[in-house]
Amino acid sequence: MSEPGALAEKNAMKIFRKPRLTTGKGGFTILEVMVAISILAVGLMAVFTAQSRSIMGNTDANRQTVAMTLAQDRMEQLLALPYENLDATGSPITAPGGYQVAWTVTEYAADNYKLIEVEVAGERLRKNIELKCIKTRL
């Protein structure tokens, strides 16, 4: 066994020992924080990029929808006319939003039908909208 004096001296040394300021436990290092911020920044950039592309896609879809609606409206107006009153060409009209609506009517007298073509163009459209329909003589 150990002597009582040596044990008391050992305990006294523990009492007067300076406490350690850092133990290496708990908290984050600056490097860990910087890596976490970098990962977060890359993730946020991806989200913002996806959001902006989504907004652009929705805007393009809205323009296409407006152009298609204008084409369908003009086609319905032309189909509602009597067969004899369909003229060969229509003067293009400018619709709100900068869309140009034009139409042509081609008569095929031998077969007793007319081909109606409606086209909507716009400078901000990716492609023009074209509709075709046949009106027959009843």
N, C-alpha and C. Protein backbone atom coordinates (compact mmCIF):
# COMPACT_ATOMS: atom_id res chain seq x y z
N MET A 1 0.82 -1.17 0.00
CA MET A 1 0.00 0.00 0.00
C MET A 1 0.86 1.23 0.00
N SER A 2 0.22 2.29 -0.24
CA SER A 2 0.96 3.54 -0.28
C SER A 2 0.93 4.19 1.08
N GLU A 3 1.85 5.00 1.33
CA GLU A 3 1.94 5.68 2.60
C GLU A 3 0.94 6.81 2.68
N PRO A 4 0.42 7.10 3.89
CA PRO A 4 -0.55 8.17 4.03
C PRO A 4 0.01 9.53 3.67
N GLY A 5 1.25 9.81 3.89
CA GLY A 5 1.83 11.11 3.57
C GLY A 5 1.89 11.34 2.07
N ALA A 6 2.22 10.28 1.34
CA ALA A 6 2.33 10.41 -0.11
C ALA A 6 0.96 10.66 -0.72
N LEU A 7 -0.06 10.04 -0.16
CA LEU A 7 -1.42 10.22 -0.66
C LEU A 7 -1.90 11.65 -0.42
N ALA A 8 -1.60 12.17 0.74
CA ALA A 8 -1.99 13.55 1.06
C ALA A 8 -1.27 14.53 0.15
N GLU A 9 -0.02 14.28 -0.14
CA GLU A 9 0.74 15.17 -1.04
C GLU A 9 0.17 15.12 -2.45
N LYS A 10 -0.24 13.94 -2.89
CA LYS A 10 -0.81 13.78 -4.23
C LYS A 10 -2.13 14.55 -4.33
N ASN A 11 -2.98 14.46 -3.29
CA ASN A 11 -4.25 15.20 -3.28
C ASN A 11 -4.01 16.70 -3.24
N ALA A 12 -3.00 17.13 -2.54
CA ALA A 12 -2.68 18.55 -2.46
C ALA A 12 -2.25 19.07 -3.83
N MET A 13 -1.56 18.29 -4.58
CA MET A 13 -1.11 18.68 -5.93
C MET A 13 -2.32 18.85 -6.86
N LYS A 14 -3.34 18.00 -6.68
CA LYS A 14 -4.53 18.12 -7.51
C LYS A 14 -5.28 19.41 -7.20
N ILE A 15 -5.27 19.83 -5.96
CA ILE A 15 -6.00 21.03 -5.58
C ILE A 15 -5.33 22.27 -6.17
N PHE A 16 -4.02 22.33 -6.17
CA PHE A 16 -3.32 23.53 -6.63
C PHE A 16 -3.00 23.52 -8.13
N ARG A 17 -3.43 22.52 -8.83
CA ARG A 17 -3.17 22.44 -10.27
C ARG A 17 -4.06 23.45 -10.98
N LYS A 18 -3.52 24.13 -12.01
CA LYS A 18 -4.30 25.09 -12.79
C LYS A 18 -5.31 24.34 -13.66
N PRO A 19 -6.53 24.85 -13.67
CA PRO A 19 -7.50 24.19 -14.54
C PRO A 19 -7.19 24.50 -16.02
N ARG A 20 -7.49 23.56 -16.88
CA ARG A 20 -7.27 23.75 -18.32
C ARG A 20 -8.38 24.64 -18.87
N LEU A 21 -8.02 25.60 -19.68
CA LEU A 21 -9.00 26.51 -20.25
C LEU A 21 -9.78 25.85 -21.39
N THR A 22 -9.14 25.04 -22.17
CA THR A 22 -9.82 24.34 -23.27
C THR A 22 -9.67 22.86 -23.05
N THR A 23 -10.76 22.20 -23.18
CA THR A 23 -10.75 20.75 -22.98
C THR A 23 -10.82 20.01 -24.30
N GLY A 24 -11.15 20.72 -25.42
CA GLY A 24 -11.26 20.05 -26.71
C GLY A 24 -12.62 19.44 -26.92
N LYS A 25 -13.53 19.68 -26.00
CA LYS A 25 -14.87 19.12 -26.12
C LYS A 25 -15.87 20.25 -26.30
N GLY A 26 -16.93 20.00 -27.09
CA GLY A 26 -18.01 20.97 -27.26
C GLY A 26 -17.59 22.12 -28.17
N GLY A 27 -18.61 22.73 -28.84
CA GLY A 27 -18.37 23.88 -29.70
C GLY A 27 -17.88 23.45 -31.08
N PHE A 28 -17.79 24.44 -31.97
CA PHE A 28 -17.37 24.19 -33.34
C PHE A 28 -16.11 24.99 -33.63
N THR A 29 -15.29 24.46 -34.49
CA THR A 29 -14.12 25.21 -34.92
C THR A 29 -14.52 26.15 -36.05
N ILE A 30 -13.69 27.13 -36.32
CA ILE A 30 -13.99 28.10 -37.38
C ILE A 30 -14.04 27.39 -38.73
N LEU A 31 -13.24 26.38 -38.92
CA LEU A 31 -13.22 25.63 -40.17
C LEU A 31 -14.55 24.90 -40.39
N GLU A 32 -15.07 24.30 -39.34
CA GLU A 32 -16.36 23.61 -39.44
C GLU A 32 -17.48 24.59 -39.78
N VAL A 33 -17.45 25.76 -39.17
CA VAL A 33 -18.47 26.78 -39.45
C VAL A 33 -18.36 27.25 -40.90
N MET A 34 -17.16 27.46 -41.38
CA MET A 34 -16.98 27.92 -42.77
C MET A 34 -17.45 26.86 -43.77
N VAL A 35 -17.18 25.61 -43.51
CA VAL A 35 -17.63 24.53 -44.40
C VAL A 35 -19.16 24.47 -44.40
N ALA A 36 -19.77 24.60 -43.24
CA ALA A 36 -21.24 24.56 -43.16
C ALA A 36 -21.86 25.74 -43.90
N ILE A 37 -21.29 26.93 -43.77
CA ILE A 37 -21.80 28.10 -44.49
C ILE A 37 -21.64 27.93 -45.99
N SER A 38 -20.52 27.36 -46.43
CA SER A 38 -20.31 27.12 -47.86
C SER A 38 -21.34 26.16 -48.43
N ILE A 39 -21.60 25.09 -47.71
CA ILE A 39 -22.60 24.12 -48.16
C ILE A 39 -23.98 24.77 -48.22
N LEU A 40 -24.32 25.55 -47.23
CA LEU A 40 -25.59 26.27 -47.20
C LEU A 40 -25.70 27.24 -48.37
N ALA A 41 -24.62 27.96 -48.67
CA ALA A 41 -24.62 28.92 -49.77
C ALA A 41 -24.84 28.22 -51.11
N VAL A 42 -24.20 27.10 -51.33
CA VAL A 42 -24.38 26.35 -52.59
C VAL A 42 -25.82 25.87 -52.70
N GLY A 43 -26.39 25.40 -51.62
CA GLY A 43 -27.78 24.94 -51.65
C GLY A 43 -28.75 26.07 -51.94
N LEU A 44 -28.53 27.24 -51.31
CA LEU A 44 -29.40 28.39 -51.57
C LEU A 44 -29.28 28.88 -53.00
N MET A 45 -28.08 28.85 -53.56
CA MET A 45 -27.90 29.26 -54.96
C MET A 45 -28.69 28.34 -55.89
N ALA A 46 -28.70 27.06 -55.61
CA ALA A 46 -29.46 26.11 -56.44
C ALA A 46 -30.95 26.40 -56.34
N VAL A 47 -31.43 26.71 -55.16
CA VAL A 47 -32.85 27.01 -54.97
C VAL A 47 -33.23 28.29 -55.72
N PHE A 48 -32.40 29.32 -55.62
CA PHE A 48 -32.68 30.59 -56.30
C PHE A 48 -32.65 30.42 -57.82
N THR A 49 -31.73 29.62 -58.33
CA THR A 49 -31.66 29.37 -59.78
C THR A 49 -32.91 28.64 -60.25
N ALA A 50 -33.33 27.64 -59.51
CA ALA A 50 -34.54 26.89 -59.88
C ALA A 50 -35.76 27.80 -59.83
N GLN A 51 -35.83 28.68 -58.86
CA GLN A 51 -36.96 29.60 -58.73
C GLN A 51 -37.02 30.56 -59.91
N SER A 52 -35.89 31.11 -60.32
CA SER A 52 -35.90 32.05 -61.44
C SER A 52 -36.26 31.35 -62.75
N ARG A 53 -35.79 30.14 -62.94
CA ARG A 53 -36.15 29.40 -64.16
C ARG A 53 -37.64 29.05 -64.15
N SER A 54 -38.17 28.75 -62.99
CA SER A 54 -39.60 28.47 -62.88
C SER A 54 -40.43 29.69 -63.26
N ILE A 55 -40.02 30.85 -62.80
CA ILE A 55 -40.74 32.09 -63.13
C ILE A 55 -40.68 32.35 -64.63
N MET A 56 -39.52 32.16 -65.25
CA MET A 56 -39.40 32.36 -66.70
C MET A 56 -40.28 31.37 -67.46
N GLY A 57 -40.30 30.12 -67.02
CA GLY A 57 -41.14 29.11 -67.67
C GLY A 57 -42.62 29.45 -67.56
N ASN A 58 -43.05 29.93 -66.40
CA ASN A 58 -44.45 30.31 -66.23
C ASN A 58 -44.81 31.51 -67.10
N THR A 59 -43.90 32.45 -67.25
CA THR A 59 -44.14 33.61 -68.11
C THR A 59 -44.29 33.18 -69.57
N ASP A 60 -43.41 32.29 -70.03
CA ASP A 60 -43.52 31.78 -71.40
C ASP A 60 -44.82 31.03 -71.61
N ALA A 61 -45.21 30.22 -70.65
CA ALA A 61 -46.46 29.46 -70.76
C ALA A 61 -47.67 30.40 -70.81
N ASN A 62 -47.62 31.47 -70.04
CA ASN A 62 -48.70 32.45 -70.06
C ASN A 62 -48.81 33.11 -71.43
N ARG A 63 -47.69 33.47 -72.02
CA ARG A 63 -47.70 34.09 -73.35
C ARG A 63 -48.27 33.13 -74.40
N GLN A 64 -47.86 31.87 -74.32
CA GLN A 64 -48.38 30.87 -75.27
C GLN A 64 -49.88 30.69 -75.09
N THR A 65 -50.34 30.69 -73.86
CA THR A 65 -51.77 30.53 -73.58
C THR A 65 -52.58 31.70 -74.13
N VAL A 66 -52.07 32.91 -73.95
CA VAL A 66 -52.77 34.09 -74.48
C VAL A 66 -52.82 34.02 -76.00
N ALA A 67 -51.72 33.66 -76.64
CA ALA A 67 -51.69 33.55 -78.10
C ALA A 67 -52.65 32.48 -78.59
N MET A 68 -52.69 31.34 -77.92
CA MET A 68 -53.61 30.27 -78.33
C MET A 68 -55.05 30.70 -78.16
N THR A 69 -55.36 31.42 -77.10
CA THR A 69 -56.72 31.90 -76.89
C THR A 69 -57.13 32.88 -77.98
N LEU A 70 -56.22 33.77 -78.37
CA LEU A 70 -56.51 34.71 -79.47
C LEU A 70 -56.76 33.96 -80.78
N ALA A 71 -55.97 32.94 -81.05
CA ALA A 71 -56.15 32.15 -82.27
C ALA A 71 -57.48 31.41 -82.25
N GLN A 72 -57.83 30.83 -81.13
CA GLN A 72 -59.09 30.10 -81.03
C GLN A 72 -60.29 31.04 -81.16
N ASP A 73 -60.20 32.22 -80.56
CA ASP A 73 -61.29 33.19 -80.68
C ASP A 73 -61.51 33.59 -82.14
N ARG A 74 -60.43 33.89 -82.85
CA ARG A 74 -60.56 34.29 -84.27
C ARG A 74 -61.10 33.12 -85.10
N MET A 75 -60.64 31.91 -84.81
CA MET A 75 -61.12 30.74 -85.56
C MET A 75 -62.62 30.54 -85.33
N GLU A 76 -63.08 30.70 -84.11
CA GLU A 76 -64.51 30.54 -83.82
C GLU A 76 -65.34 31.61 -84.52
N GLN A 77 -64.81 32.84 -84.57
CA GLN A 77 -65.52 33.90 -85.27
C GLN A 77 -65.63 33.60 -86.76
N LEU A 78 -64.58 33.09 -87.36
CA LEU A 78 -64.61 32.76 -88.79
C LEU A 78 -65.51 31.56 -89.06
N LEU A 79 -65.49 30.57 -88.20
CA LEU A 79 -66.34 29.39 -88.40
C LEU A 79 -67.82 29.73 -88.21
N ALA A 80 -68.11 30.78 -87.45
CA ALA A 80 -69.51 31.16 -87.23
C ALA A 80 -70.10 31.88 -88.44
N LEU A 81 -69.24 32.38 -89.34
CA LEU A 81 -69.75 33.05 -90.54
C LEU A 81 -70.34 32.03 -91.52
N PRO A 82 -71.33 32.46 -92.31
CA PRO A 82 -71.84 31.56 -93.35
C PRO A 82 -70.73 31.24 -94.37
N TYR A 83 -70.86 30.11 -95.01
CA TYR A 83 -69.85 29.63 -95.96
C TYR A 83 -69.54 30.69 -97.02
N GLU A 84 -70.55 31.34 -97.55
CA GLU A 84 -70.38 32.30 -98.63
C GLU A 84 -69.70 33.58 -98.17
N ASN A 85 -69.78 33.91 -96.91
CA ASN A 85 -69.22 35.18 -96.41
C ASN A 85 -67.76 35.08 -95.95
N LEU A 86 -67.17 33.92 -96.02
CA LEU A 86 -65.75 33.80 -95.64
C LEU A 86 -64.90 34.42 -96.73
N ASP A 87 -64.15 35.48 -96.39
CA ASP A 87 -63.31 36.12 -97.39
C ASP A 87 -61.96 35.40 -97.50
N ALA A 88 -61.25 35.66 -98.58
CA ALA A 88 -60.01 34.94 -98.86
C ALA A 88 -58.88 35.36 -97.92
N THR A 89 -58.82 36.62 -97.57
CA THR A 89 -57.75 37.05 -96.68
C THR A 89 -58.32 38.00 -95.64
N GLY A 90 -57.78 38.00 -94.49
CA GLY A 90 -58.19 38.92 -93.44
C GLY A 90 -57.06 39.88 -93.16
N SER A 91 -57.38 41.12 -92.94
CA SER A 91 -56.32 42.07 -92.61
C SER A 91 -55.86 41.77 -91.18
N PRO A 92 -54.56 41.66 -90.98
CA PRO A 92 -54.06 41.34 -89.63
C PRO A 92 -54.49 42.39 -88.61
N ILE A 93 -54.77 41.92 -87.43
CA ILE A 93 -55.13 42.83 -86.36
C ILE A 93 -54.08 42.72 -85.25
N THR A 94 -53.90 43.79 -84.51
CA THR A 94 -52.97 43.78 -83.38
C THR A 94 -53.78 43.70 -82.10
N ALA A 95 -53.53 42.67 -81.36
CA ALA A 95 -54.23 42.45 -80.09
C ALA A 95 -53.40 43.04 -78.95
N PRO A 96 -54.03 43.30 -77.81
CA PRO A 96 -53.28 43.80 -76.66
C PRO A 96 -52.14 42.86 -76.29
N GLY A 97 -51.03 43.43 -75.89
CA GLY A 97 -49.87 42.62 -75.54
C GLY A 97 -48.90 42.48 -76.69
N GLY A 98 -49.19 43.11 -77.83
CA GLY A 98 -48.28 43.05 -78.97
C GLY A 98 -48.41 41.82 -79.84
N TYR A 99 -49.55 41.15 -79.80
CA TYR A 99 -49.78 39.98 -80.63
C TYR A 99 -50.41 40.40 -81.95
N GLN A 100 -49.97 39.80 -83.06
CA GLN A 100 -50.57 40.04 -84.36
C GLN A 100 -51.34 38.79 -84.79
N VAL A 101 -52.61 38.99 -85.10
CA VAL A 101 -53.47 37.88 -85.51
C VAL A 101 -53.77 38.04 -87.00
N ALA A 102 -53.41 37.02 -87.79
CA ALA A 102 -53.67 37.05 -89.23
C ALA A 102 -54.36 35.74 -89.61
N TRP A 103 -55.14 35.78 -90.70
CA TRP A 103 -55.81 34.57 -91.15
C TRP A 103 -55.95 34.59 -92.66
N THR A 104 -56.03 33.40 -93.21
CA THR A 104 -56.28 33.22 -94.65
C THR A 104 -57.35 32.15 -94.82
N VAL A 105 -58.13 32.34 -95.88
CA VAL A 105 -59.16 31.36 -96.22
C VAL A 105 -58.89 30.94 -97.66
N THR A 106 -58.66 29.65 -97.86
CA THR A 106 -58.41 29.11 -99.20
C THR A 106 -59.60 28.26 -99.59
N GLU A 107 -60.18 28.58 -100.76
CA GLU A 107 -61.36 27.85 -101.20
C GLU A 107 -60.97 26.73 -102.16
N TYR A 108 -61.53 25.58 -101.91
CA TYR A 108 -61.38 24.42 -102.79
C TYR A 108 -62.77 24.13 -103.35
N ALA A 109 -63.11 24.85 -104.45
CA ALA A 109 -64.47 24.83 -104.99
C ALA A 109 -64.86 23.43 -105.48
N ALA A 110 -63.93 22.70 -106.06
CA ALA A 110 -64.25 21.38 -106.59
C ALA A 110 -64.68 20.42 -105.47
N ASP A 111 -64.12 20.60 -104.30
CA ASP A 111 -64.43 19.70 -103.19
C ASP A 111 -65.43 20.30 -102.21
N ASN A 112 -65.89 21.53 -102.46
CA ASN A 112 -66.88 22.22 -101.62
C ASN A 112 -66.42 22.40 -100.17
N TYR A 113 -65.19 22.87 -99.99
CA TYR A 113 -64.76 23.23 -98.63
C TYR A 113 -63.77 24.39 -98.70
N LYS A 114 -63.60 25.03 -97.57
CA LYS A 114 -62.64 26.12 -97.42
C LYS A 114 -61.72 25.79 -96.26
N LEU A 115 -60.43 26.02 -96.49
CA LEU A 115 -59.43 25.82 -95.45
C LEU A 115 -59.17 27.16 -94.77
N ILE A 116 -59.39 27.21 -93.46
CA ILE A 116 -59.18 28.43 -92.69
C ILE A 116 -57.90 28.24 -91.87
N GLU A 117 -56.97 29.20 -92.01
CA GLU A 117 -55.72 29.16 -91.26
C GLU A 117 -55.59 30.46 -90.46
N VAL A 118 -55.35 30.33 -89.18
CA VAL A 118 -55.16 31.47 -88.29
C VAL A 118 -53.77 31.36 -87.69
N GLU A 119 -53.06 32.50 -87.70
CA GLU A 119 -51.71 32.52 -87.13
C GLU A 119 -51.58 33.72 -86.19
N VAL A 120 -51.02 33.46 -85.02
CA VAL A 120 -50.76 34.51 -84.05
C VAL A 120 -49.25 34.59 -83.85
N ALA A 121 -48.73 35.81 -84.03
CA ALA A 121 -47.29 36.04 -83.87
C ALA A 121 -47.08 37.10 -82.79
N GLY A 122 -45.95 37.05 -82.18
CA GLY A 122 -45.58 38.03 -81.17
C GLY A 122 -44.08 38.00 -80.98
N GLU A 123 -43.50 39.14 -80.69
CA GLU A 123 -42.05 39.19 -80.58
C GLU A 123 -41.53 38.44 -79.36
N ARG A 124 -42.36 38.27 -78.36
CA ARG A 124 -41.91 37.57 -77.15
C ARG A 124 -42.35 36.11 -77.12
N LEU A 125 -42.96 35.62 -78.19
CA LEU A 125 -43.35 34.20 -78.26
C LEU A 125 -42.16 33.38 -78.73
N ARG A 126 -42.02 32.19 -78.19
CA ARG A 126 -40.96 31.30 -78.64
C ARG A 126 -41.23 30.82 -80.06
N LYS A 127 -42.51 30.56 -80.36
CA LYS A 127 -42.89 30.18 -81.71
C LYS A 127 -44.32 30.67 -81.96
N ASN A 128 -44.62 30.89 -83.23
CA ASN A 128 -45.96 31.35 -83.60
C ASN A 128 -46.99 30.25 -83.39
N ILE A 129 -48.22 30.67 -83.12
CA ILE A 129 -49.33 29.72 -82.95
C ILE A 129 -50.07 29.64 -84.28
N GLU A 130 -50.31 28.45 -84.74
CA GLU A 130 -51.03 28.24 -86.00
C GLU A 130 -52.18 27.27 -85.78
N LEU A 131 -53.35 27.65 -86.25
CA LEU A 131 -54.52 26.77 -86.21
C LEU A 131 -55.05 26.61 -87.62
N LYS A 132 -55.52 25.42 -87.95
CA LYS A 132 -56.13 25.14 -89.26
C LYS A 132 -57.44 24.42 -89.04
N CYS A 133 -58.43 24.78 -89.87
CA CYS A 133 -59.72 24.13 -89.77
C CYS A 133 -60.38 24.14 -91.15
N ILE A 134 -61.26 23.20 -91.37
CA ILE A 134 -61.97 23.09 -92.66
C ILE A 134 -63.43 23.39 -92.42
N LYS A 135 -64.00 24.25 -93.29
CA LYS A 135 -65.43 24.52 -93.24
C LYS A 135 -66.01 24.00 -94.56
N THR A 136 -67.01 23.16 -94.45
CA THR A 136 -67.62 22.58 -95.65
C THR A 136 -68.91 23.26 -95.98
N ARG A 137 -69.29 23.18 -97.26
CA ARG A 137 -70.59 23.70 -97.70
C ARG A 137 -71.64 22.64 -97.38
N LEU A 138 -72.68 23.05 -96.69
CA LEU A 138 -73.72 22.10 -96.33
C LEU A 138 -74.82 22.09 -97.34
